[in-house]
Amino acid sequence: MQKRTIASFGYHNQSAPRHTNMCRLLRSEGWNIIECHTTTRGFLRKCMDLTRQYWNVRRETTALLVTFPGHHLVPLAWLLTRLPRKRLLFDAFISLTDTLVSDRKRLSWYNPIAWMLFFAEYMSYHLADEILIDTEAHKHFFAKRFFLNPNRIRVIYLGTREDLFAPRGTSCSRTDASIEILFYGTFIPLQGIEHIIDAAAILQNNHPEIHFTLIGSGQTRKEMEARAQEKKLRNLRFEECIAYEALPQRIRNADICLGIFGTSGKAQRVIPHKVYDAVACGVPVITARSPAILERFVDGREVILCNPGDPQDLSRTILRMAGTLRSRNTC
């Protein structure tokens, strides 16, 4: 039987966990992957470069995968896969309008740009033969919002970079009583960083041994810094973004990692990279209970769950986990 070949089509980050894990899965299913990848600037130049690359390998391929981010590349990919007919897959990963309008509130539904994005999404999803998404909860959302047949949507979970994120060598390395808690992210609303800050404020006076480090930058960073200053937190510090390759060691150096705690609809439908990364490193991770997280993880086994948007419950969960860690570290 002839081996199937798929062209990976876009300007994706080729070392991102989403892409590397998808390629690993496709190879395990018998696909040979050809990269049609562009680094050129400008939309038209990207389209020309990708068209040229695909045209050179079109006879070898049986399918084309538009990678994330690539909503605006799907119409071009659809044209390229008509004659001869090839199967068209699209890794949608997220909804643009759900992210920019509903979650991050960068746009209002009264803004014509929001509706332009919606129709662009609608068209890209209906042109593709198969849409790839990251959770079953997201699949149901996509099917309902964009009037899609659920059978055309396939769930491929995020996962992590297994070549980078691996357990630390020992589970009993800390010699003091401190508990180091790590969060890293892009400071977007669904992460619910305000609830982390409020939990730190609850713990500050009676549990000074618990320290929080928040790494990253983004939409809500300044707002979160102001919130921490207002509460006069001494047990929490902010750090700038660090190299992706440096994250595994920072995770392994922490006692507890934090996931997301937002209450938005999108927060209920996603499993963030940081959860997969911490689990792969063997570090306890606390995150909000959601339909998505329960698709892959068991509360109290791989992850520790708390109520979303509830700093009181988060602080109690941290204290309970801290007590467990102290008993384990008595060597």
C-alpha atoms as a PDB file:
ATOM      1  CA  MET A   1       0.000   0.000   0.000  1.00  0.00           C
ATOM      2  CA  GLN A   2       1.313   3.449  -0.910  1.00  0.00           C
ATOM      3  CA  LYS A   3       2.216   5.583   2.092  1.00  0.00           C
ATOM      4  CA  ARG A   4       0.043   8.654   2.494  1.00  0.00           C
ATOM      5  CA  THR A   5       1.728  12.057   2.339  1.00  0.00           C
ATOM      6  CA  ILE A   6       0.383  15.258   3.850  1.00  0.00           C
ATOM      7  CA  ALA A   7       1.704  18.771   3.262  1.00  0.00           C
ATOM      8  CA  SER A   8       1.915  20.917   6.400  1.00  0.00           C
ATOM      9  CA  PHE A   9       0.954  24.320   5.007  1.00  0.00           C
ATOM     10  CA  GLY A  10       1.471  27.664   6.785  1.00  0.00           C
ATOM     11  CA  TYR A  11       3.778  29.912   8.768  1.00  0.00           C
ATOM     12  CA  HIS A  12       3.445  27.974  12.032  1.00  0.00           C
ATOM     13  CA  ASN A  13       6.036  27.692  14.774  1.00  0.00           C
ATOM     14  CA  GLN A  14       7.631  24.402  13.790  1.00  0.00           C
ATOM     15  CA  SER A  15       8.937  23.728  17.309  1.00  0.00           C
ATOM     16  CA  ALA A  16       5.650  24.506  19.099  1.00  0.00           C
ATOM     17  CA  PRO A  17       4.131  21.615  21.105  1.00  0.00           C
ATOM     18  CA  ARG A  18       0.910  21.786  19.079  1.00  0.00           C
ATOM     19  CA  HIS A  19       2.768  21.222  15.817  1.00  0.00           C
ATOM     20  CA  THR A  20       5.330  18.674  17.018  1.00  0.00           C
ATOM     21  CA  ASN A  21       2.677  16.558  18.758  1.00  0.00           C
ATOM     22  CA  MET A  22       0.368  16.690  15.742  1.00  0.00           C
ATOM     23  CA  CYS A  23       3.201  15.593  13.459  1.00  0.00           C
ATOM     24  CA  ARG A  24       4.057  12.750  15.831  1.00  0.00           C
ATOM     25  CA  LEU A  25       0.443  11.588  15.850  1.00  0.00           C
ATOM     26  CA  LEU A  26       0.093  11.788  12.063  1.00  0.00           C
ATOM     27  CA  ARG A  27       3.322   9.814  11.579  1.00  0.00           C
ATOM     28  CA  SER A  28       2.031   7.154  13.975  1.00  0.00           C
ATOM     29  CA  GLU A  29      -1.033   6.872  11.722  1.00  0.00           C
ATOM     30  CA  GLY A  30       1.130   6.233   8.678  1.00  0.00           C
ATOM     31  CA  TRP A  31       1.415   9.738   7.255  1.00  0.00           C
ATOM     32  CA  ASN A  32       4.575  11.087   5.685  1.00  0.00           C
ATOM     33  CA  ILE A  33       4.798  14.841   6.360  1.00  0.00           C
ATOM     34  CA  ILE A  34       6.175  17.436   3.940  1.00  0.00           C
ATOM     35  CA  GLU A  35       6.668  20.943   5.314  1.00  0.00           C
ATOM     36  CA  CYS A  36       5.369  23.787   3.156  1.00  0.00           C
ATOM     37  CA  HIS A  37       6.466  26.478   5.568  1.00  0.00           C
ATOM     38  CA  THR A  38       7.045  30.170   4.902  1.00  0.00           C
ATOM     39  CA  THR A  39       8.892  32.843   6.858  1.00  0.00           C
ATOM     40  CA  THR A  40       8.271  35.665   4.366  1.00  0.00           C
ATOM     41  CA  ARG A  41       6.604  38.902   5.471  1.00  0.00           C
ATOM     42  CA  GLY A  42       3.261  40.121   4.186  1.00  0.00           C
ATOM     43  CA  PHE A  43       0.107  38.141   3.428  1.00  0.00           C
ATOM     44  CA  LEU A  44       0.442  38.151  -0.380  1.00  0.00           C
ATOM     45  CA  ARG A  45       4.104  37.115  -0.228  1.00  0.00           C
ATOM     46  CA  LYS A  46       3.221  34.329   2.176  1.00  0.00           C
ATOM     47  CA  CYS A  47       0.529  33.096  -0.217  1.00  0.00           C
ATOM     48  CA  MET A  48       2.896  33.197  -3.191  1.00  0.00           C
ATOM     49  CA  ASP A  49       5.664  31.376  -1.332  1.00  0.00           C
ATOM     50  CA  LEU A  50       3.315  28.687  -0.014  1.00  0.00           C
ATOM     51  CA  THR A  51       1.719  28.211  -3.428  1.00  0.00           C
ATOM     52  CA  ARG A  52       5.148  27.740  -5.011  1.00  0.00           C
ATOM     53  CA  GLN A  53       6.218  25.230  -2.366  1.00  0.00           C
ATOM     54  CA  TYR A  54       3.018  23.233  -2.574  1.00  0.00           C
ATOM     55  CA  TRP A  55       3.062  23.242  -6.374  1.00  0.00           C
ATOM     56  CA  ASN A  56       6.478  21.588  -6.305  1.00  0.00           C
ATOM     57  CA  VAL A  57       5.220  18.701  -4.117  1.00  0.00           C
ATOM     58  CA  ARG A  58       1.580  18.460  -5.196  1.00  0.00           C
ATOM     59  CA  ARG A  59       2.051  15.148  -7.034  1.00  0.00           C
ATOM     60  CA  GLU A  60       3.470  13.526  -3.909  1.00  0.00           C
ATOM     61  CA  THR A  61       0.690  14.599  -1.539  1.00  0.00           C
ATOM     62  CA  THR A  62      -2.668  13.045  -0.795  1.00  0.00           C
ATOM     63  CA  ALA A  63      -3.769  15.722   1.702  1.00  0.00           C
ATOM     64  CA  LEU A  64      -2.969  19.250   2.827  1.00  0.00           C
ATOM     65  CA  LEU A  65      -3.001  20.444   6.446  1.00  0.00           C
ATOM     66  CA  VAL A  66      -3.418  24.187   7.056  1.00  0.00           C
ATOM     67  CA  THR A  67      -1.641  24.813  10.342  1.00  0.00           C
ATOM     68  CA  PHE A  68      -2.528  27.226  13.144  1.00  0.00           C
ATOM     69  CA  PRO A  69      -2.711  30.183  12.772  1.00  0.00           C
ATOM     70  CA  GLY A  70      -4.170  29.877   9.290  1.00  0.00           C
ATOM     71  CA  HIS A  71      -7.849  30.849   9.039  1.00  0.00           C
ATOM     72  CA  HIS A  72      -7.080  33.272   6.204  1.00  0.00           C
ATOM     73  CA  LEU A  73      -4.999  30.651   4.346  1.00  0.00           C
ATOM     74  CA  VAL A  74      -7.830  28.116   4.045  1.00  0.00           C
ATOM     75  CA  PRO A  75      -9.417  29.633   0.875  1.00  0.00           C
ATOM     76  CA  LEU A  76      -6.041  29.438  -0.904  1.00  0.00           C
ATOM     77  CA  ALA A  77      -5.520  25.877   0.315  1.00  0.00           C
ATOM     78  CA  TRP A  78      -9.027  24.985  -0.873  1.00  0.00           C
ATOM     79  CA  LEU A  79      -8.226  26.235  -4.392  1.00  0.00           C
ATOM     80  CA  LEU A  80      -4.934  24.320  -4.461  1.00  0.00           C
ATOM     81  CA  THR A  81      -6.633  21.068  -3.469  1.00  0.00           C
ATOM     82  CA  ARG A  82      -9.371  21.117  -6.122  1.00  0.00           C
ATOM     83  CA  LEU A  83      -7.489  19.874  -9.209  1.00  0.00           C
ATOM     84  CA  PRO A  84      -6.455  17.239  -8.568  1.00  0.00           C
ATOM     85  CA  ARG A  85      -8.722  16.788  -5.545  1.00  0.00           C
ATOM     86  CA  LYS A  86      -6.870  16.383  -2.239  1.00  0.00           C
ATOM     87  CA  ARG A  87      -8.222  16.134   1.282  1.00  0.00           C
ATOM     88  CA  LEU A  88      -8.074  19.467   3.149  1.00  0.00           C
ATOM     89  CA  LEU A  89      -7.507  19.528   6.917  1.00  0.00           C
ATOM     90  CA  PHE A  90      -7.447  22.659   9.047  1.00  0.00           C
ATOM     91  CA  ASP A  91      -5.986  22.909  12.532  1.00  0.00           C
ATOM     92  CA  ALA A  92      -8.331  25.626  13.789  1.00  0.00           C
ATOM     93  CA  PHE A  93      -7.177  25.229  17.430  1.00  0.00           C
ATOM     94  CA  ILE A  94      -9.125  28.326  18.585  1.00  0.00           C
ATOM     95  CA  SER A  95     -12.038  30.446  17.391  1.00  0.00           C
ATOM     96  CA  LEU A  96     -10.955  33.975  16.493  1.00  0.00           C
ATOM     97  CA  THR A  97     -14.227  35.571  17.577  1.00  0.00           C
ATOM     98  CA  ASP A  98     -14.445  33.530  20.770  1.00  0.00           C
ATOM     99  CA  THR A  99     -10.921  34.687  21.641  1.00  0.00           C
ATOM    100  CA  LEU A 100     -11.020  38.343  20.578  1.00  0.00           C
ATOM    101  CA  VAL A 101     -14.679  39.175  21.253  1.00  0.00           C
ATOM    102  CA  SER A 102     -15.994  36.889  23.987  1.00  0.00           C
ATOM    103  CA  ASP A 103     -12.846  36.200  26.008  1.00  0.00           C
ATOM    104  CA  ARG A 104     -10.310  39.008  25.579  1.00  0.00           C
ATOM    105  CA  LYS A 105     -12.982  41.611  24.720  1.00  0.00           C
ATOM    106  CA  ARG A 106     -10.707  43.329  22.207  1.00  0.00           C
ATOM    107  CA  LEU A 107     -13.738  43.784  19.958  1.00  0.00           C
ATOM    108  CA  SER A 108     -17.449  44.184  20.507  1.00  0.00           C
ATOM    109  CA  TRP A 109     -20.087  42.263  18.553  1.00  0.00           C
ATOM    110  CA  TYR A 110     -21.295  45.721  17.481  1.00  0.00           C
ATOM    111  CA  ASN A 111     -17.983  46.205  15.663  1.00  0.00           C
ATOM    112  CA  PRO A 112     -18.177  45.245  11.942  1.00  0.00           C
ATOM    113  CA  ILE A 113     -14.681  43.737  12.216  1.00  0.00           C
ATOM    114  CA  ALA A 114     -16.032  41.129  14.640  1.00  0.00           C
ATOM    115  CA  TRP A 115     -18.620  40.030  12.076  1.00  0.00           C
ATOM    116  CA  MET A 116     -16.003  39.979   9.321  1.00  0.00           C
ATOM    117  CA  LEU A 117     -13.920  37.647  11.493  1.00  0.00           C
ATOM    118  CA  PHE A 118     -16.970  35.479  12.156  1.00  0.00           C
ATOM    119  CA  PHE A 119     -17.755  35.037   8.462  1.00  0.00           C
ATOM    120  CA  ALA A 120     -14.066  34.391   7.707  1.00  0.00           C
ATOM    121  CA  GLU A 121     -14.115  31.662  10.349  1.00  0.00           C
ATOM    122  CA  TYR A 122     -17.397  30.242   9.116  1.00  0.00           C
ATOM    123  CA  MET A 123     -16.073  30.030   5.572  1.00  0.00           C
ATOM    124  CA  SER A 124     -12.732  28.460   6.551  1.00  0.00           C
ATOM    125  CA  TYR A 125     -14.404  25.772   8.658  1.00  0.00           C
ATOM    126  CA  HIS A 126     -16.917  24.879   5.963  1.00  0.00           C
ATOM    127  CA  LEU A 127     -14.286  24.752   3.207  1.00  0.00           C
ATOM    128  CA  ALA A 128     -12.169  22.220   5.105  1.00  0.00           C
ATOM    129  CA  ASP A 129     -12.924  18.522   4.931  1.00  0.00           C
ATOM    130  CA  GLU A 130     -11.831  18.067   8.543  1.00  0.00           C
ATOM    131  CA  ILE A 131     -11.306  20.563  11.384  1.00  0.00           C
ATOM    132  CA  LEU A 132      -8.830  19.778  14.149  1.00  0.00           C
ATOM    133  CA  ILE A 133      -9.468  21.091  17.657  1.00  0.00           C
ATOM    134  CA  ASP A 134      -7.975  20.604  21.128  1.00  0.00           C
ATOM    135  CA  THR A 135     -10.805  19.317  23.396  1.00  0.00           C
ATOM    136  CA  GLU A 136     -14.224  17.669  23.180  1.00  0.00           C
ATOM    137  CA  ALA A 137     -15.699  20.740  24.900  1.00  0.00           C
ATOM    138  CA  HIS A 138     -14.254  22.910  22.136  1.00  0.00           C
ATOM    139  CA  LYS A 139     -15.603  20.491  19.514  1.00  0.00           C
ATOM    140  CA  HIS A 140     -19.161  20.877  20.807  1.00  0.00           C
ATOM    141  CA  PHE A 141     -18.761  24.657  20.884  1.00  0.00           C
ATOM    142  CA  PHE A 142     -17.497  24.771  17.268  1.00  0.00           C
ATOM    143  CA  ALA A 143     -20.258  22.492  16.006  1.00  0.00           C
ATOM    144  CA  LYS A 144     -22.963  24.648  17.603  1.00  0.00           C
ATOM    145  CA  ARG A 145     -21.604  28.129  16.862  1.00  0.00           C
ATOM    146  CA  PHE A 146     -20.552  27.485  13.257  1.00  0.00           C
ATOM    147  CA  PHE A 147     -23.274  24.960  12.281  1.00  0.00           C
ATOM    148  CA  LEU A 148     -20.767  22.168  11.654  1.00  0.00           C
ATOM    149  CA  ASN A 149     -21.316  18.439  11.476  1.00  0.00           C
ATOM    150  CA  PRO A 150     -19.513  17.082  14.584  1.00  0.00           C
ATOM    151  CA  ASN A 151     -18.266  14.167  12.468  1.00  0.00           C
ATOM    152  CA  ARG A 152     -16.089  16.646  10.548  1.00  0.00           C
ATOM    153  CA  ILE A 153     -14.325  17.781  13.731  1.00  0.00           C
ATOM    154  CA  ARG A 154     -11.491  15.777  15.216  1.00  0.00           C
ATOM    155  CA  VAL A 155     -10.041  16.308  18.694  1.00  0.00           C
ATOM    156  CA  ILE A 156      -6.255  16.251  18.971  1.00  0.00           C
ATOM    157  CA  TYR A 157      -5.140  17.187  22.477  1.00  0.00           C
ATOM    158  CA  LEU A 158      -2.279  19.634  22.974  1.00  0.00           C
ATOM    159  CA  GLY A 159       0.231  17.560  24.899  1.00  0.00           C
ATOM    160  CA  THR A 160       3.750  18.784  25.631  1.00  0.00           C
ATOM    161  CA  ARG A 161       7.285  18.688  24.250  1.00  0.00           C
ATOM    162  CA  GLU A 162       8.428  15.388  25.737  1.00  0.00           C
ATOM    163  CA  ASP A 163      12.004  16.062  24.665  1.00  0.00           C
ATOM    164  CA  LEU A 164      12.068  19.099  26.980  1.00  0.00           C
ATOM    165  CA  PHE A 165       9.569  18.511  29.765  1.00  0.00           C
ATOM    166  CA  ALA A 166      10.525  15.534  31.912  1.00  0.00           C
ATOM    167  CA  PRO A 167      10.530  14.763  35.673  1.00  0.00           C
ATOM    168  CA  ARG A 168      13.218  16.101  37.989  1.00  0.00           C
ATOM    169  CA  GLY A 169      15.785  13.676  39.345  1.00  0.00           C
ATOM    170  CA  THR A 170      14.676  13.665  42.984  1.00  0.00           C
ATOM    171  CA  SER A 171      11.482  14.399  44.852  1.00  0.00           C
ATOM    172  CA  CYS A 172      13.190  15.384  48.074  1.00  0.00           C
ATOM    173  CA  SER A 173      15.622  18.171  47.272  1.00  0.00           C
ATOM    174  CA  ARG A 174      14.288  21.115  49.318  1.00  0.00           C
ATOM    175  CA  THR A 175      15.968  21.651  52.682  1.00  0.00           C
ATOM    176  CA  ASP A 176      13.940  24.643  53.930  1.00  0.00           C
ATOM    177  CA  ALA A 177      10.265  25.071  54.755  1.00  0.00           C
ATOM    178  CA  SER A 178       9.406  27.407  51.894  1.00  0.00           C
ATOM    179  CA  ILE A 179       6.861  26.543  49.223  1.00  0.00           C
ATOM    180  CA  GLU A 180       7.607  27.991  45.778  1.00  0.00           C
ATOM    181  CA  ILE A 181       4.594  28.418  43.519  1.00  0.00           C
ATOM    182  CA  LEU A 182       5.063  29.135  39.803  1.00  0.00           C
ATOM    183  CA  PHE A 183       2.732  30.550  37.178  1.00  0.00           C
ATOM    184  CA  TYR A 184       3.794  31.400  33.635  1.00  0.00           C
ATOM    185  CA  GLY A 185       1.633  32.631  30.798  1.00  0.00           C
ATOM    186  CA  THR A 186       0.607  35.323  28.370  1.00  0.00           C
ATOM    187  CA  PHE A 187      -1.526  37.281  30.858  1.00  0.00           C
ATOM    188  CA  ILE A 188      -4.825  36.897  29.027  1.00  0.00           C
ATOM    189  CA  PRO A 189      -8.229  37.072  30.777  1.00  0.00           C
ATOM    190  CA  LEU A 190      -9.038  33.356  30.717  1.00  0.00           C
ATOM    191  CA  GLN A 191      -5.974  32.650  32.885  1.00  0.00           C
ATOM    192  CA  GLY A 192      -7.666  34.389  35.823  1.00  0.00           C
ATOM    193  CA  ILE A 193      -4.426  35.775  37.254  1.00  0.00           C
ATOM    194  CA  GLU A 194      -6.411  38.151  39.483  1.00  0.00           C
ATOM    195  CA  HIS A 195      -7.533  35.112  41.472  1.00  0.00           C
ATOM    196  CA  ILE A 196      -3.910  34.034  41.986  1.00  0.00           C
ATOM    197  CA  ILE A 197      -3.092  37.502  43.317  1.00  0.00           C
ATOM    198  CA  ASP A 198      -6.117  37.463  45.628  1.00  0.00           C
ATOM    199  CA  ALA A 199      -5.122  33.999  46.913  1.00  0.00           C
ATOM    200  CA  ALA A 200      -1.604  35.299  47.609  1.00  0.00           C
ATOM    201  CA  ALA A 201      -3.149  38.160  49.611  1.00  0.00           C
ATOM    202  CA  ILE A 202      -5.185  35.686  51.676  1.00  0.00           C
ATOM    203  CA  LEU A 203      -2.073  33.621  52.489  1.00  0.00           C
ATOM    204  CA  GLN A 204       0.422  36.435  52.997  1.00  0.00           C
ATOM    205  CA  ASN A 205       0.105  37.155  56.728  1.00  0.00           C
ATOM    206  CA  ASN A 206      -0.369  33.675  58.155  1.00  0.00           C
ATOM    207  CA  HIS A 207       1.768  31.721  55.683  1.00  0.00           C
ATOM    208  CA  PRO A 208       4.845  33.788  54.781  1.00  0.00           C
ATOM    209  CA  GLU A 209       6.695  30.631  53.736  1.00  0.00           C
ATOM    210  CA  ILE A 210       4.539  30.423  50.578  1.00  0.00           C
ATOM    211  CA  HIS A 211       5.979  32.446  47.699  1.00  0.00           C
ATOM    212  CA  PHE A 212       4.466  33.126  44.272  1.00  0.00           C
ATOM    213  CA  THR A 213       6.344  33.854  41.026  1.00  0.00           C
ATOM    214  CA  LEU A 214       4.409  35.018  37.947  1.00  0.00           C
ATOM    215  CA  ILE A 215       6.338  34.877  34.670  1.00  0.00           C
ATOM    216  CA  GLY A 216       5.206  36.421  31.403  1.00  0.00           C
ATOM    217  CA  SER A 217       3.628  39.456  29.796  1.00  0.00           C
ATOM    218  CA  GLY A 218       0.504  40.340  27.884  1.00  0.00           C
ATOM    219  CA  GLN A 219      -2.878  42.035  27.939  1.00  0.00           C
ATOM    220  CA  THR A 220      -3.487  42.093  31.700  1.00  0.00           C
ATOM    221  CA  ARG A 221       0.110  42.337  33.008  1.00  0.00           C
ATOM    222  CA  LYS A 222      -0.039  46.027  34.050  1.00  0.00           C
ATOM    223  CA  GLU A 223      -3.455  45.569  35.597  1.00  0.00           C
ATOM    224  CA  MET A 224      -2.211  42.598  37.612  1.00  0.00           C
ATOM    225  CA  GLU A 225       0.883  44.486  38.783  1.00  0.00           C
ATOM    226  CA  ALA A 226      -1.354  47.325  39.959  1.00  0.00           C
ATOM    227  CA  ARG A 227      -3.600  44.845  41.779  1.00  0.00           C
ATOM    228  CA  ALA A 228      -0.612  43.313  43.573  1.00  0.00           C
ATOM    229  CA  GLN A 229       0.710  46.744  44.547  1.00  0.00           C
ATOM    230  CA  GLU A 230      -2.700  47.761  45.870  1.00  0.00           C
ATOM    231  CA  LYS A 231      -2.729  44.692  48.111  1.00  0.00           C
ATOM    232  CA  LYS A 232       0.895  45.363  49.166  1.00  0.00           C
ATOM    233  CA  LEU A 233       1.956  41.814  48.442  1.00  0.00           C
ATOM    234  CA  ARG A 234       5.372  40.765  49.720  1.00  0.00           C
ATOM    235  CA  ASN A 235       4.977  37.090  48.833  1.00  0.00           C
ATOM    236  CA  LEU A 236       4.533  37.562  45.081  1.00  0.00           C
ATOM    237  CA  ARG A 237       6.860  38.771  42.349  1.00  0.00           C
ATOM    238  CA  PHE A 238       6.586  39.276  38.604  1.00  0.00           C
ATOM    239  CA  GLU A 239       9.240  38.223  36.102  1.00  0.00           C
ATOM    240  CA  GLU A 240       9.564  38.944  32.403  1.00  0.00           C
ATOM    241  CA  CYS A 241       9.206  36.240  29.745  1.00  0.00           C
ATOM    242  CA  ILE A 242      11.954  33.659  29.603  1.00  0.00           C
ATOM    243  CA  ALA A 243      13.122  31.412  26.776  1.00  0.00           C
ATOM    244  CA  TYR A 244      10.854  28.427  26.128  1.00  0.00           C
ATOM    245  CA  GLU A 245      13.819  26.082  26.590  1.00  0.00           C
ATOM    246  CA  ALA A 246      14.365  27.502  30.099  1.00  0.00           C
ATOM    247  CA  LEU A 247      10.823  26.706  31.269  1.00  0.00           C
ATOM    248  CA  PRO A 248      11.346  23.019  32.129  1.00  0.00           C
ATOM    249  CA  GLN A 249      14.006  23.798  34.726  1.00  0.00           C
ATOM    250  CA  ARG A 250      11.917  26.604  36.248  1.00  0.00           C
ATOM    251  CA  ILE A 251       8.999  24.189  36.526  1.00  0.00           C
ATOM    252  CA  ARG A 252      11.165  21.498  38.134  1.00  0.00           C
ATOM    253  CA  ASN A 253      12.500  24.065  40.629  1.00  0.00           C
ATOM    254  CA  ALA A 254       8.953  24.880  41.777  1.00  0.00           C
ATOM    255  CA  ASP A 255       6.972  22.994  44.421  1.00  0.00           C
ATOM    256  CA  ILE A 256       3.599  23.758  42.841  1.00  0.00           C
ATOM    257  CA  CYS A 257       2.628  25.043  39.389  1.00  0.00           C
ATOM    258  CA  LEU A 258      -0.576  26.896  38.625  1.00  0.00           C
ATOM    259  CA  GLY A 259      -2.858  26.490  35.622  1.00  0.00           C
ATOM    260  CA  ILE A 260      -5.800  28.758  34.800  1.00  0.00           C
ATOM    261  CA  PHE A 261      -8.631  30.037  37.005  1.00  0.00           C
ATOM    262  CA  GLY A 262     -10.827  32.197  34.773  1.00  0.00           C
ATOM    263  CA  THR A 263     -14.600  31.834  34.554  1.00  0.00           C
ATOM    264  CA  SER A 264     -15.185  32.585  30.857  1.00  0.00           C
ATOM    265  CA  GLY A 265     -16.721  30.101  28.488  1.00  0.00           C
ATOM    266  CA  LYS A 266     -13.408  29.601  26.755  1.00  0.00           C
ATOM    267  CA  ALA A 267     -11.664  28.888  30.075  1.00  0.00           C
ATOM    268  CA  GLN A 268     -14.083  25.981  30.507  1.00  0.00           C
ATOM    269  CA  ARG A 269     -13.230  24.563  27.077  1.00  0.00           C
ATOM    270  CA  VAL A 270      -9.422  24.530  27.015  1.00  0.00           C
ATOM    271  CA  ILE A 271      -6.553  22.669  28.652  1.00  0.00           C
ATOM    272  CA  PRO A 272      -3.535  25.000  28.698  1.00  0.00           C
ATOM    273  CA  HIS A 273      -0.004  24.007  27.771  1.00  0.00           C
ATOM    274  CA  LYS A 274       1.166  24.793  31.295  1.00  0.00           C
ATOM    275  CA  VAL A 275      -0.901  21.941  32.741  1.00  0.00           C
ATOM    276  CA  TYR A 276       0.566  19.386  30.337  1.00  0.00           C
ATOM    277  CA  ASP A 277       4.069  20.774  30.957  1.00  0.00           C
ATOM    278  CA  ALA A 278       3.873  20.588  34.760  1.00  0.00           C
ATOM    279  CA  VAL A 279       2.385  17.076  34.690  1.00  0.00           C
ATOM    280  CA  ALA A 280       5.188  15.946  32.352  1.00  0.00           C
ATOM    281  CA  CYS A 281       7.754  17.387  34.789  1.00  0.00           C
ATOM    282  CA  GLY A 282       6.183  15.553  37.710  1.00  0.00           C
ATOM    283  CA  VAL A 283       5.372  18.794  39.558  1.00  0.00           C
ATOM    284  CA  PRO A 284       1.961  19.161  41.258  1.00  0.00           C
ATOM    285  CA  VAL A 285      -0.297  21.494  39.309  1.00  0.00           C
ATOM    286  CA  ILE A 286      -3.382  23.249  40.625  1.00  0.00           C
ATOM    287  CA  THR A 287      -5.928  24.449  38.091  1.00  0.00           C
ATOM    288  CA  ALA A 288      -9.634  25.222  37.872  1.00  0.00           C
ATOM    289  CA  ARG A 289     -12.186  22.466  37.524  1.00  0.00           C
ATOM    290  CA  SER A 290     -13.732  22.457  34.042  1.00  0.00           C
ATOM    291  CA  PRO A 291     -15.339  20.051  31.566  1.00  0.00           C
ATOM    292  CA  ALA A 292     -12.179  20.218  29.418  1.00  0.00           C
ATOM    293  CA  ILE A 293      -9.669  19.380  32.158  1.00  0.00           C
ATOM    294  CA  LEU A 294     -11.746  16.359  33.200  1.00  0.00           C
ATOM    295  CA  GLU A 295     -11.460  14.948  29.674  1.00  0.00           C
ATOM    296  CA  ARG A 296      -7.765  14.186  30.223  1.00  0.00           C
ATOM    297  CA  PHE A 297      -6.938  14.335  33.917  1.00  0.00           C
ATOM    298  CA  VAL A 298      -8.197  12.947  37.226  1.00  0.00           C
ATOM    299  CA  ASP A 299      -8.543  15.278  40.204  1.00  0.00           C
ATOM    300  CA  GLY A 300      -6.062  14.345  42.925  1.00  0.00           C
ATOM    301  CA  ARG A 301      -3.998  12.131  40.638  1.00  0.00           C
ATOM    302  CA  GLU A 302      -2.407  14.112  37.784  1.00  0.00           C
ATOM    303  CA  VAL A 303      -3.838  17.502  38.803  1.00  0.00           C
ATOM    304  CA  ILE A 304      -5.410  19.173  41.824  1.00  0.00           C
ATOM    305  CA  LEU A 305      -8.634  21.002  40.995  1.00  0.00           C
ATOM    306  CA  CYS A 306     -10.305  23.985  42.635  1.00  0.00           C
ATOM    307  CA  ASN A 307     -13.318  26.128  41.861  1.00  0.00           C
ATOM    308  CA  PRO A 308     -12.840  28.625  38.994  1.00  0.00           C
ATOM    309  CA  GLY A 309     -12.809  32.289  39.964  1.00  0.00           C
ATOM    310  CA  ASP A 310     -12.559  31.455  43.681  1.00  0.00           C
ATOM    311  CA  PRO A 311      -9.368  32.709  45.421  1.00  0.00           C
ATOM    312  CA  GLN A 312     -10.579  31.360  48.771  1.00  0.00           C
ATOM    313  CA  ASP A 313     -10.808  27.848  47.377  1.00  0.00           C
ATOM    314  CA  LEU A 314      -7.485  28.305  45.570  1.00  0.00           C
ATOM    315  CA  SER A 315      -5.759  29.369  48.802  1.00  0.00           C
ATOM    316  CA  ARG A 316      -7.234  26.377  50.657  1.00  0.00           C
ATOM    317  CA  THR A 317      -6.085  24.042  47.901  1.00  0.00           C
ATOM    318  CA  ILE A 318      -2.565  25.509  48.029  1.00  0.00           C
ATOM    319  CA  LEU A 319      -2.422  25.016  51.817  1.00  0.00           C
ATOM    320  CA  ARG A 320      -3.619  21.431  51.507  1.00  0.00           C
ATOM    321  CA  MET A 321      -1.031  20.712  48.811  1.00  0.00           C
ATOM    322  CA  ALA A 322       1.696  22.459  50.816  1.00  0.00           C
ATOM    323  CA  GLY A 323       0.966  20.204  53.775  1.00  0.00           C
ATOM    324  CA  THR A 324       1.212  17.132  51.554  1.00  0.00           C
ATOM    325  CA  LEU A 325       4.537  18.321  50.141  1.00  0.00           C
ATOM    326  CA  ARG A 326       6.006  18.927  53.614  1.00  0.00           C
ATOM    327  CA  SER A 327       5.153  15.391  54.685  1.00  0.00           C
ATOM    328  CA  ARG A 328       6.727  13.984  51.527  1.00  0.00           C
ATOM    329  CA  ASN A 329       9.874  16.052  51.950  1.00  0.00           C
ATOM    330  CA  THR A 330      10.555  14.789  55.442  1.00  0.00           C
ATOM    331  CA  CYS A 331      13.522  12.584  54.492  1.00  0.00           C
END
